[in-house]
All heavy atoms as atom14 arrays in JSON, in Angstrom:
{
  "sequence": "HGVRLVEHEGPSGIARDWLRALSCCDAPLVTIAHQDDVYLPAYRSTML",
  "atom14_mask": [
    [1, 1, 1, 1, 1, 1, 1, 1, 1, 1, 0, 0, 0, 0],
    [1, 1, 1, 1, 0, 0, 0, 0, 0, 0, 0, 0, 0, 0],
    [1, 1, 1, 1, 1, 1, 1, 0, 0, 0, 0, 0, 0, 0],
    [1, 1, 1, 1, 1, 1, 1, 1, 1, 1, 1, 0, 0, 0],
    [1, 1, 1, 1, 1, 1, 1, 1, 0, 0, 0, 0, 0, 0],
    [1, 1, 1, 1, 1, 1, 1, 0, 0, 0, 0, 0, 0, 0],
    [1, 1, 1, 1, 1, 1, 1, 1, 1, 0, 0, 0, 0, 0],
    [1, 1, 1, 1, 1, 1, 1, 1, 1, 1, 0, 0, 0, 0],
    [1, 1, 1, 1, 1, 1, 1, 1, 1, 0, 0, 0, 0, 0],
    [1, 1, 1, 1, 0, 0, 0, 0, 0, 0, 0, 0, 0, 0],
    [1, 1, 1, 1, 1, 1, 1, 0, 0, 0, 0, 0, 0, 0],
    [1, 1, 1, 1, 1, 1, 0, 0, 0, 0, 0, 0, 0, 0],
    [1, 1, 1, 1, 0, 0, 0, 0, 0, 0, 0, 0, 0, 0],
    [1, 1, 1, 1, 1, 1, 1, 1, 0, 0, 0, 0, 0, 0],
    [1, 1, 1, 1, 1, 0, 0, 0, 0, 0, 0, 0, 0, 0],
    [1, 1, 1, 1, 1, 1, 1, 1, 1, 1, 1, 0, 0, 0],
    [1, 1, 1, 1, 1, 1, 1, 1, 0, 0, 0, 0, 0, 0],
    [1, 1, 1, 1, 1, 1, 1, 1, 1, 1, 1, 1, 1, 1],
    [1, 1, 1, 1, 1, 1, 1, 1, 0, 0, 0, 0, 0, 0],
    [1, 1, 1, 1, 1, 1, 1, 1, 1, 1, 1, 0, 0, 0],
    [1, 1, 1, 1, 1, 0, 0, 0, 0, 0, 0, 0, 0, 0],
    [1, 1, 1, 1, 1, 1, 1, 1, 0, 0, 0, 0, 0, 0],
    [1, 1, 1, 1, 1, 1, 0, 0, 0, 0, 0, 0, 0, 0],
    [1, 1, 1, 1, 1, 1, 0, 0, 0, 0, 0, 0, 0, 0],
    [1, 1, 1, 1, 1, 1, 0, 0, 0, 0, 0, 0, 0, 0],
    [1, 1, 1, 1, 1, 1, 1, 1, 0, 0, 0, 0, 0, 0],
    [1, 1, 1, 1, 1, 0, 0, 0, 0, 0, 0, 0, 0, 0],
    [1, 1, 1, 1, 1, 1, 1, 0, 0, 0, 0, 0, 0, 0],
    [1, 1, 1, 1, 1, 1, 1, 1, 0, 0, 0, 0, 0, 0],
    [1, 1, 1, 1, 1, 1, 1, 0, 0, 0, 0, 0, 0, 0],
    [1, 1, 1, 1, 1, 1, 1, 0, 0, 0, 0, 0, 0, 0],
    [1, 1, 1, 1, 1, 1, 1, 1, 0, 0, 0, 0, 0, 0],
    [1, 1, 1, 1, 1, 0, 0, 0, 0, 0, 0, 0, 0, 0],
    [1, 1, 1, 1, 1, 1, 1, 1, 1, 1, 0, 0, 0, 0],
    [1, 1, 1, 1, 1, 1, 1, 1, 1, 0, 0, 0, 0, 0],
    [1, 1, 1, 1, 1, 1, 1, 1, 0, 0, 0, 0, 0, 0],
    [1, 1, 1, 1, 1, 1, 1, 1, 0, 0, 0, 0, 0, 0],
    [1, 1, 1, 1, 1, 1, 1, 0, 0, 0, 0, 0, 0, 0],
    [1, 1, 1, 1, 1, 1, 1, 1, 1, 1, 1, 1, 0, 0],
    [1, 1, 1, 1, 1, 1, 1, 1, 0, 0, 0, 0, 0, 0],
    [1, 1, 1, 1, 1, 1, 1, 0, 0, 0, 0, 0, 0, 0],
    [1, 1, 1, 1, 1, 0, 0, 0, 0, 0, 0, 0, 0, 0],
    [1, 1, 1, 1, 1, 1, 1, 1, 1, 1, 1, 1, 0, 0],
    [1, 1, 1, 1, 1, 1, 1, 1, 1, 1, 1, 0, 0, 0],
    [1, 1, 1, 1, 1, 1, 0, 0, 0, 0, 0, 0, 0, 0],
    [1, 1, 1, 1, 1, 1, 1, 0, 0, 0, 0, 0, 0, 0],
    [1, 1, 1, 1, 1, 1, 1, 1, 0, 0, 0, 0, 0, 0],
    [1, 1, 1, 1, 1, 1, 1, 1, 0, 0, 0, 0, 0, 0]
  ],
  "atom14_positions": [
    [[-10.35, 23.9, -1.98], [-10.34, 24.75, -0.78], [-9.23, 25.81, -0.81], [-9.04, 26.53, 0.17], [-10.22, 23.89, 0.47], [-11.44, 23.04, 0.73], [-12.56, 23.55, 1.34], [-11.72, 21.75, 0.43], [-13.48, 22.59, 1.44], [-13.0, 21.5, 0.88], [0.0, 0.0, 0.0], [0.0, 0.0, 0.0], [0.0, 0.0, 0.0], [0.0, 0.0, 0.0]],
    [[-8.53, 25.89, -1.93], [-7.52, 26.93, -2.1], [-6.34, 26.8, -1.16], [-5.78, 27.81, -0.72], [0.0, 0.0, 0.0], [0.0, 0.0, 0.0], [0.0, 0.0, 0.0], [0.0, 0.0, 0.0], [0.0, 0.0, 0.0], [0.0, 0.0, 0.0], [0.0, 0.0, 0.0], [0.0, 0.0, 0.0], [0.0, 0.0, 0.0], [0.0, 0.0, 0.0]],
    [[-5.93, 25.57, -0.87], [-4.84, 25.32, 0.08], [-3.62, 24.81, -0.68], [-3.73, 23.99, -1.6], [-5.28, 24.29, 1.14], [-4.11, 23.9, 2.04], [-6.42, 24.86, 1.98], [0.0, 0.0, 0.0], [0.0, 0.0, 0.0], [0.0, 0.0, 0.0], [0.0, 0.0, 0.0], [0.0, 0.0, 0.0], [0.0, 0.0, 0.0], [0.0, 0.0, 0.0]],
    [[-2.45, 25.29, -0.29], [-1.21, 24.88, -0.95], [-0.95, 23.39, -0.74], [-1.09, 22.87, 0.36], [-0.03, 25.7, -0.4], [1.33, 25.34, -1.01], [2.36, 26.42, -0.71], [2.67, 26.5, 0.71], [3.74, 25.94, 1.28], [4.59, 25.24, 0.54], [3.97, 26.09, 2.56], [0.0, 0.0, 0.0], [0.0, 0.0, 0.0], [0.0, 0.0, 0.0]],
    [[-0.57, 22.72, -1.82], [-0.27, 21.29, -1.79], [1.2, 21.1, -2.13], [1.69, 21.63, -3.13], [-1.15, 20.54, -2.79], [-0.81, 19.07, -3.04], [-1.0, 18.24, -1.78], [-1.66, 18.52, -4.2], [0.0, 0.0, 0.0], [0.0, 0.0, 0.0], [0.0, 0.0, 0.0], [0.0, 0.0, 0.0], [0.0, 0.0, 0.0], [0.0, 0.0, 0.0]],
    [[1.91, 20.33, -1.3], [3.3, 19.99, -1.56], [3.39, 18.48, -1.72], [3.02, 17.73, -0.8], [4.24, 20.46, -0.44], [5.67, 20.05, -0.74], [4.15, 21.97, -0.26], [0.0, 0.0, 0.0], [0.0, 0.0, 0.0], [0.0, 0.0, 0.0], [0.0, 0.0, 0.0], [0.0, 0.0, 0.0], [0.0, 0.0, 0.0], [0.0, 0.0, 0.0]],
    [[3.87, 18.03, -2.86], [4.01, 16.6, -3.16], [5.48, 16.2, -3.08], [6.34, 16.85, -3.68], [3.45, 16.3, -4.55], [1.96, 16.63, -4.67], [1.4, 16.39, -6.06], [2.22, 16.35, -7.02], [0.18, 16.25, -6.19], [0.0, 0.0, 0.0], [0.0, 0.0, 0.0], [0.0, 0.0, 0.0], [0.0, 0.0, 0.0], [0.0, 0.0, 0.0]],
    [[5.76, 15.16, -2.33], [7.13, 14.72, -2.09], [7.43, 13.45, -2.88], [6.56, 12.59, -3.07], [7.36, 14.46, -0.6], [7.01, 15.61, 0.28], [7.81, 16.71, 0.45], [5.9, 15.84, 1.04], [7.24, 17.57, 1.28], [6.08, 17.06, 1.65], [0.0, 0.0, 0.0], [0.0, 0.0, 0.0], [0.0, 0.0, 0.0], [0.0, 0.0, 0.0]],
    [[8.67, 13.32, -3.3], [9.12, 12.12, -3.99], [9.87, 11.22, -3.01], [10.32, 11.65, -1.96], [10.02, 12.49, -5.17], [9.32, 13.31, -6.25], [10.25, 13.63, -7.41], [11.46, 13.32, -7.3], [9.76, 14.17, -8.41], [0.0, 0.0, 0.0], [0.0, 0.0, 0.0], [0.0, 0.0, 0.0], [0.0, 0.0, 0.0], [0.0, 0.0, 0.0]],
    [[9.99, 9.96, -3.4], [10.73, 9.02, -2.57], [9.82, 8.22, -1.67], [8.62, 8.5, -1.55], [0.0, 0.0, 0.0], [0.0, 0.0, 0.0], [0.0, 0.0, 0.0], [0.0, 0.0, 0.0], [0.0, 0.0, 0.0], [0.0, 0.0, 0.0], [0.0, 0.0, 0.0], [0.0, 0.0, 0.0], [0.0, 0.0, 0.0], [0.0, 0.0, 0.0]],
    [[10.37, 7.19, -1.02], [9.56, 6.3, -0.18], [8.95, 7.05, 1.0], [9.54, 7.99, 1.52], [10.55, 5.24, 0.29], [11.89, 5.89, 0.17], [11.79, 6.81, -1.0], [0.0, 0.0, 0.0], [0.0, 0.0, 0.0], [0.0, 0.0, 0.0], [0.0, 0.0, 0.0], [0.0, 0.0, 0.0], [0.0, 0.0, 0.0], [0.0, 0.0, 0.0]],
    [[7.76, 6.61, 1.38], [7.09, 7.24, 2.51], [7.28, 6.39, 3.76], [7.75, 5.26, 3.72], [5.6, 7.42, 2.23], [4.96, 6.16, 2.11], [0.0, 0.0, 0.0], [0.0, 0.0, 0.0], [0.0, 0.0, 0.0], [0.0, 0.0, 0.0], [0.0, 0.0, 0.0], [0.0, 0.0, 0.0], [0.0, 0.0, 0.0], [0.0, 0.0, 0.0]],
    [[6.94, 6.96, 4.88], [7.03, 6.33, 6.19], [6.57, 7.38, 7.18], [6.61, 8.58, 6.88], [0.0, 0.0, 0.0], [0.0, 0.0, 0.0], [0.0, 0.0, 0.0], [0.0, 0.0, 0.0], [0.0, 0.0, 0.0], [0.0, 0.0, 0.0], [0.0, 0.0, 0.0], [0.0, 0.0, 0.0], [0.0, 0.0, 0.0], [0.0, 0.0, 0.0]],
    [[6.14, 6.97, 8.34], [5.53, 7.94, 9.26], [6.52, 9.04, 9.63], [6.21, 10.23, 9.5], [5.0, 7.24, 10.51], [3.91, 6.23, 10.15], [4.42, 8.27, 11.49], [3.38, 5.42, 11.32], [0.0, 0.0, 0.0], [0.0, 0.0, 0.0], [0.0, 0.0, 0.0], [0.0, 0.0, 0.0], [0.0, 0.0, 0.0], [0.0, 0.0, 0.0]],
    [[7.72, 8.67, 10.06], [8.7, 9.7, 10.45], [9.06, 10.58, 9.26], [9.12, 11.81, 9.37], [9.94, 9.04, 11.04], [0.0, 0.0, 0.0], [0.0, 0.0, 0.0], [0.0, 0.0, 0.0], [0.0, 0.0, 0.0], [0.0, 0.0, 0.0], [0.0, 0.0, 0.0], [0.0, 0.0, 0.0], [0.0, 0.0, 0.0], [0.0, 0.0, 0.0]],
    [[9.31, 9.95, 8.1], [9.65, 10.74, 6.91], [8.53, 11.69, 6.55], [8.77, 12.87, 6.22], [9.93, 9.8, 5.72], [11.2, 8.99, 5.81], [11.49, 8.33, 4.47], [12.56, 7.36, 4.58], [12.36, 6.05, 4.74], [11.13, 5.58, 4.8], [13.38, 5.22, 4.83], [0.0, 0.0, 0.0], [0.0, 0.0, 0.0], [0.0, 0.0, 0.0]],
    [[7.3, 11.21, 6.6], [6.17, 12.04, 6.2], [5.99, 13.21, 7.17], [5.69, 14.33, 6.75], [4.9, 11.21, 6.12], [4.92, 10.22, 4.96], [5.81, 10.37, 4.09], [4.07, 9.32, 4.92], [0.0, 0.0, 0.0], [0.0, 0.0, 0.0], [0.0, 0.0, 0.0], [0.0, 0.0, 0.0], [0.0, 0.0, 0.0], [0.0, 0.0, 0.0]],
    [[6.15, 12.96, 8.47], [6.0, 14.05, 9.44], [7.12, 15.07, 9.28], [6.89, 16.28, 9.36], [5.98, 13.49, 10.85], [4.74, 12.72, 11.19], [3.65, 12.51, 10.39], [4.46, 12.02, 12.4], [2.72, 11.73, 11.03], [3.18, 11.42, 12.26], [5.17, 11.84, 13.59], [2.6, 10.66, 13.28], [4.59, 11.08, 14.61], [3.32, 10.5, 14.46]],
    [[8.34, 14.6, 9.05], [9.46, 15.53, 8.86], [9.29, 16.32, 7.57], [9.61, 17.52, 7.51], [10.78, 14.77, 8.85], [11.21, 14.17, 10.2], [12.42, 13.27, 10.03], [11.51, 15.28, 11.21], [0.0, 0.0, 0.0], [0.0, 0.0, 0.0], [0.0, 0.0, 0.0], [0.0, 0.0, 0.0], [0.0, 0.0, 0.0], [0.0, 0.0, 0.0]],
    [[8.79, 15.67, 6.53], [8.53, 16.4, 5.28], [7.45, 17.45, 5.48], [7.54, 18.56, 4.93], [8.11, 15.42, 4.18], [9.25, 14.56, 3.66], [8.74, 13.41, 2.82], [9.83, 12.66, 2.2], [9.7, 11.49, 1.6], [8.49, 10.91, 1.54], [10.73, 10.87, 1.05], [0.0, 0.0, 0.0], [0.0, 0.0, 0.0], [0.0, 0.0, 0.0]],
    [[6.44, 17.13, 6.27], [5.39, 18.11, 6.55], [5.98, 19.32, 7.28], [5.66, 20.47, 6.95], [4.28, 17.47, 7.38], [0.0, 0.0, 0.0], [0.0, 0.0, 0.0], [0.0, 0.0, 0.0], [0.0, 0.0, 0.0], [0.0, 0.0, 0.0], [0.0, 0.0, 0.0], [0.0, 0.0, 0.0], [0.0, 0.0, 0.0], [0.0, 0.0, 0.0]],
    [[6.83, 19.06, 8.26], [7.47, 20.17, 8.97], [8.33, 21.01, 8.04], [8.39, 22.24, 8.18], [8.32, 19.64, 10.12], [7.58, 19.02, 11.31], [8.57, 18.42, 12.31], [6.71, 20.05, 12.02], [0.0, 0.0, 0.0], [0.0, 0.0, 0.0], [0.0, 0.0, 0.0], [0.0, 0.0, 0.0], [0.0, 0.0, 0.0], [0.0, 0.0, 0.0]],
    [[8.98, 20.37, 7.09], [9.87, 21.1, 6.18], [9.11, 22.05, 5.26], [9.72, 22.96, 4.68], [10.68, 20.11, 5.33], [9.87, 19.49, 4.34], [0.0, 0.0, 0.0], [0.0, 0.0, 0.0], [0.0, 0.0, 0.0], [0.0, 0.0, 0.0], [0.0, 0.0, 0.0], [0.0, 0.0, 0.0], [0.0, 0.0, 0.0], [0.0, 0.0, 0.0]],
    [[7.81, 21.86, 5.13], [6.99, 22.73, 4.28], [6.64, 24.04, 4.99], [6.05, 24.94, 4.37], [5.68, 22.04, 3.9], [5.88, 20.53, 2.94], [0.0, 0.0, 0.0], [0.0, 0.0, 0.0], [0.0, 0.0, 0.0], [0.0, 0.0, 0.0], [0.0, 0.0, 0.0], [0.0, 0.0, 0.0], [0.0, 0.0, 0.0], [0.0, 0.0, 0.0]],
    [[6.94, 24.14, 6.27], [6.45, 25.25, 7.09], [7.58, 26.22, 7.44], [8.7, 25.8, 7.75], [5.82, 24.73, 8.38], [4.44, 23.6, 8.09], [0.0, 0.0, 0.0], [0.0, 0.0, 0.0], [0.0, 0.0, 0.0], [0.0, 0.0, 0.0], [0.0, 0.0, 0.0], [0.0, 0.0, 0.0], [0.0, 0.0, 0.0], [0.0, 0.0, 0.0]],
    [[7.27, 27.51, 7.39], [8.25, 28.52, 7.75], [7.82, 29.32, 8.98], [8.17, 30.48, 9.15], [8.52, 29.46, 6.58], [7.25, 30.14, 6.07], [6.16, 29.94, 6.67], [7.33, 30.87, 5.07], [0.0, 0.0, 0.0], [0.0, 0.0, 0.0], [0.0, 0.0, 0.0], [0.0, 0.0, 0.0], [0.0, 0.0, 0.0], [0.0, 0.0, 0.0]],
    [[7.04, 28.68, 9.84], [6.57, 29.3, 11.09], [7.2, 28.57, 12.27], [7.52, 27.38, 12.18], [5.05, 29.22, 11.18], [0.0, 0.0, 0.0], [0.0, 0.0, 0.0], [0.0, 0.0, 0.0], [0.0, 0.0, 0.0], [0.0, 0.0, 0.0], [0.0, 0.0, 0.0], [0.0, 0.0, 0.0], [0.0, 0.0, 0.0], [0.0, 0.0, 0.0]],
    [[7.38, 29.26, 13.4], [7.98, 28.6, 14.57], [7.05, 27.59, 15.23], [7.52, 26.66, 15.88], [8.31, 29.76, 15.51], [7.39, 30.86, 15.1], [7.21, 30.71, 13.63], [0.0, 0.0, 0.0], [0.0, 0.0, 0.0], [0.0, 0.0, 0.0], [0.0, 0.0, 0.0], [0.0, 0.0, 0.0], [0.0, 0.0, 0.0], [0.0, 0.0, 0.0]],
    [[5.74, 27.77, 15.09], [4.77, 26.87, 15.7], [4.07, 26.08, 14.59], [3.49, 26.68, 13.68], [3.72, 27.64, 16.5], [4.23, 28.55, 17.62], [3.06, 29.29, 18.28], [5.02, 27.76, 18.66], [0.0, 0.0, 0.0], [0.0, 0.0, 0.0], [0.0, 0.0, 0.0], [0.0, 0.0, 0.0], [0.0, 0.0, 0.0], [0.0, 0.0, 0.0]],
    [[4.13, 24.76, 14.68], [3.53, 23.91, 13.65], [2.72, 22.8, 14.3], [3.21, 22.12, 15.21], [4.58, 23.3, 12.71], [3.92, 22.39, 11.68], [5.39, 24.39, 12.01], [0.0, 0.0, 0.0], [0.0, 0.0, 0.0], [0.0, 0.0, 0.0], [0.0, 0.0, 0.0], [0.0, 0.0, 0.0], [0.0, 0.0, 0.0], [0.0, 0.0, 0.0]],
    [[1.5, 22.62, 13.83], [0.66, 21.49, 14.22], [0.6, 20.53, 13.04], [0.2, 20.92, 11.94], [-0.78, 21.95, 14.54], [-0.74, 23.01, 15.5], [-1.6, 20.79, 15.1], [0.0, 0.0, 0.0], [0.0, 0.0, 0.0], [0.0, 0.0, 0.0], [0.0, 0.0, 0.0], [0.0, 0.0, 0.0], [0.0, 0.0, 0.0], [0.0, 0.0, 0.0]],
    [[1.04, 19.29, 13.25], [0.93, 18.27, 12.21], [-0.45, 17.65, 12.32], [-0.73, 16.86, 13.23], [2.03, 17.2, 12.34], [3.42, 17.84, 12.24], [1.85, 16.13, 11.26], [4.55, 16.85, 12.43], [0.0, 0.0, 0.0], [0.0, 0.0, 0.0], [0.0, 0.0, 0.0], [0.0, 0.0, 0.0], [0.0, 0.0, 0.0], [0.0, 0.0, 0.0]],
    [[-1.33, 18.02, 11.42], [-2.69, 17.5, 11.44], [-2.75, 16.16, 10.72], [-2.17, 16.0, 9.64], [-3.64, 18.5, 10.77], [0.0, 0.0, 0.0], [0.0, 0.0, 0.0], [0.0, 0.0, 0.0], [0.0, 0.0, 0.0], [0.0, 0.0, 0.0], [0.0, 0.0, 0.0], [0.0, 0.0, 0.0], [0.0, 0.0, 0.0], [0.0, 0.0, 0.0]],
    [[-3.41, 15.19, 11.33], [-3.56, 13.87, 10.73], [-4.88, 13.84, 9.96], [-5.92, 14.26, 10.46], [-3.53, 12.8, 11.81], [-2.24, 12.75, 12.56], [-1.88, 11.69, 13.36], [-1.2, 13.63, 12.63], [-0.69, 11.92, 13.89], [-0.27, 13.09, 13.46], [0.0, 0.0, 0.0], [0.0, 0.0, 0.0], [0.0, 0.0, 0.0], [0.0, 0.0, 0.0]],
    [[-4.86, 13.3, 8.77], [-5.96, 13.45, 7.82], [-7.29, 12.87, 8.3], [-8.34, 13.27, 7.81], [-5.58, 12.78, 6.51], [-5.41, 11.27, 6.6], [-5.03, 10.64, 5.28], [-4.79, 11.33, 4.29], [-4.96, 9.32, 5.25], [0.0, 0.0, 0.0], [0.0, 0.0, 0.0], [0.0, 0.0, 0.0], [0.0, 0.0, 0.0], [0.0, 0.0, 0.0]],
    [[-7.28, 11.96, 9.25], [-8.52, 11.33, 9.69], [-9.17, 12.05, 10.87], [-10.28, 11.69, 11.27], [-8.27, 9.87, 10.09], [-7.74, 9.04, 8.93], [-8.06, 9.38, 7.78], [-7.0, 8.07, 9.19], [0.0, 0.0, 0.0], [0.0, 0.0, 0.0], [0.0, 0.0, 0.0], [0.0, 0.0, 0.0], [0.0, 0.0, 0.0], [0.0, 0.0, 0.0]],
    [[-8.49, 13.04, 11.44], [-8.94, 13.66, 12.68], [-9.62, 15.0, 12.4], [-9.58, 15.52, 11.29], [-7.75, 13.86, 13.62], [-7.03, 12.54, 13.91], [-7.69, 11.49, 13.87], [-5.81, 12.58, 14.17], [0.0, 0.0, 0.0], [0.0, 0.0, 0.0], [0.0, 0.0, 0.0], [0.0, 0.0, 0.0], [0.0, 0.0, 0.0], [0.0, 0.0, 0.0]],
    [[-10.24, 15.56, 13.44], [-10.87, 16.88, 13.31], [-10.45, 17.75, 14.49], [-10.22, 17.25, 15.6], [-12.41, 16.79, 13.24], [-12.85, 16.04, 12.01], [-12.99, 16.16, 14.49], [0.0, 0.0, 0.0], [0.0, 0.0, 0.0], [0.0, 0.0, 0.0], [0.0, 0.0, 0.0], [0.0, 0.0, 0.0], [0.0, 0.0, 0.0], [0.0, 0.0, 0.0]],
    [[-10.37, 19.04, 14.22], [-9.96, 20.01, 15.23], [-11.14, 20.93, 15.53], [-11.78, 21.44, 14.6], [-8.76, 20.81, 14.72], [-7.52, 19.94, 14.61], [-7.38, 19.05, 13.53], [-6.54, 19.97, 15.58], [-6.28, 18.22, 13.45], [-5.42, 19.14, 15.48], [-5.3, 18.27, 14.42], [-4.22, 17.43, 14.34], [0.0, 0.0, 0.0], [0.0, 0.0, 0.0]],
    [[-11.42, 21.13, 16.81], [-12.53, 22.0, 17.19], [-12.13, 23.46, 16.99], [-10.94, 23.8, 16.99], [-12.93, 21.72, 18.64], [-13.32, 20.25, 18.92], [-13.88, 20.11, 20.34], [-14.32, 19.72, 17.9], [0.0, 0.0, 0.0], [0.0, 0.0, 0.0], [0.0, 0.0, 0.0], [0.0, 0.0, 0.0], [0.0, 0.0, 0.0], [0.0, 0.0, 0.0]],
    [[-13.1, 24.36, 16.81], [-12.79, 25.74, 16.4], [-11.85, 26.5, 17.33], [-11.15, 27.42, 16.88], [-14.17, 26.4, 16.36], [-15.11, 25.28, 16.06], [-14.56, 24.09, 16.79], [0.0, 0.0, 0.0], [0.0, 0.0, 0.0], [0.0, 0.0, 0.0], [0.0, 0.0, 0.0], [0.0, 0.0, 0.0], [0.0, 0.0, 0.0], [0.0, 0.0, 0.0]],
    [[-11.79, 26.14, 18.61], [-10.97, 26.9, 19.56], [-9.55, 26.36, 19.67], [-8.76, 26.88, 20.48], [-11.63, 26.89, 20.94], [0.0, 0.0, 0.0], [0.0, 0.0, 0.0], [0.0, 0.0, 0.0], [0.0, 0.0, 0.0], [0.0, 0.0, 0.0], [0.0, 0.0, 0.0], [0.0, 0.0, 0.0], [0.0, 0.0, 0.0], [0.0, 0.0, 0.0]],
    [[-9.18, 25.35, 18.89], [-7.85, 24.76, 19.05], [-6.75, 25.81, 18.9], [-5.9, 25.99, 19.77], [-7.61, 23.61, 18.06], [-6.21, 23.04, 18.18], [-5.95, 21.99, 19.05], [-5.13, 23.58, 17.47], [-4.66, 21.49, 19.21], [-3.84, 23.1, 17.63], [-3.61, 22.04, 18.5], [-2.32, 21.57, 18.66], [0.0, 0.0, 0.0], [0.0, 0.0, 0.0]],
    [[-6.74, 26.51, 17.79], [-5.63, 27.42, 17.49], [-5.56, 28.58, 18.47], [-4.48, 28.93, 18.97], [-5.77, 27.96, 16.07], [-4.65, 28.91, 15.67], [-4.89, 29.44, 14.26], [-3.84, 30.34, 13.86], [-3.79, 31.63, 14.15], [-4.75, 32.16, 14.91], [-2.81, 32.4, 13.72], [0.0, 0.0, 0.0], [0.0, 0.0, 0.0], [0.0, 0.0, 0.0]],
    [[-6.68, 29.21, 18.77], [-6.67, 30.37, 19.67], [-6.24, 29.96, 21.08], [-5.49, 30.68, 21.74], [-8.04, 31.04, 19.7], [-9.06, 30.13, 20.08], [0.0, 0.0, 0.0], [0.0, 0.0, 0.0], [0.0, 0.0, 0.0], [0.0, 0.0, 0.0], [0.0, 0.0, 0.0], [0.0, 0.0, 0.0], [0.0, 0.0, 0.0], [0.0, 0.0, 0.0]],
    [[-6.7, 28.78, 21.53], [-6.3, 28.31, 22.85], [-4.81, 28.0, 22.87], [-4.09, 28.32, 23.82], [-7.1, 27.05, 23.24], [-8.49, 27.35, 23.2], [-6.73, 26.56, 24.63], [0.0, 0.0, 0.0], [0.0, 0.0, 0.0], [0.0, 0.0, 0.0], [0.0, 0.0, 0.0], [0.0, 0.0, 0.0], [0.0, 0.0, 0.0], [0.0, 0.0, 0.0]],
    [[-4.32, 27.35, 21.82], [-2.9, 27.02, 21.73], [-2.03, 28.25, 21.8], [-1.06, 28.32, 22.57], [-2.64, 26.24, 20.44], [-1.18, 25.86, 20.19], [-0.2, 27.18, 19.39], [-1.05, 27.33, 17.82], [0.0, 0.0, 0.0], [0.0, 0.0, 0.0], [0.0, 0.0, 0.0], [0.0, 0.0, 0.0], [0.0, 0.0, 0.0], [0.0, 0.0, 0.0]],
    [[-2.37, 29.28, 21.02], [-1.56, 30.5, 21.03], [-1.57, 31.17, 22.4], [-0.53, 31.63, 22.89], [-2.07, 31.47, 19.97], [-1.66, 31.18, 18.52], [-2.35, 32.15, 17.57], [-0.15, 31.27, 18.35], [0.0, 0.0, 0.0], [0.0, 0.0, 0.0], [0.0, 0.0, 0.0], [0.0, 0.0, 0.0], [0.0, 0.0, 0.0], [0.0, 0.0, 0.0]]
  ]
}
C-alpha cells in the first residue's frame, strides 16, 4: 500500500508501543490507529 513502515527494537508493551508510534510523527495532530479497528471515511475531515 506504499505506506512508510518504522520497526522498533527492544521490548514491547502497550505504553511503549503507543509512545513509539507518536515518535514517528512530525505533525501536531496524531491519531493512534489500532490494527484491529476501522475508521469511517468522514473521521479525518470531521476531526479537523
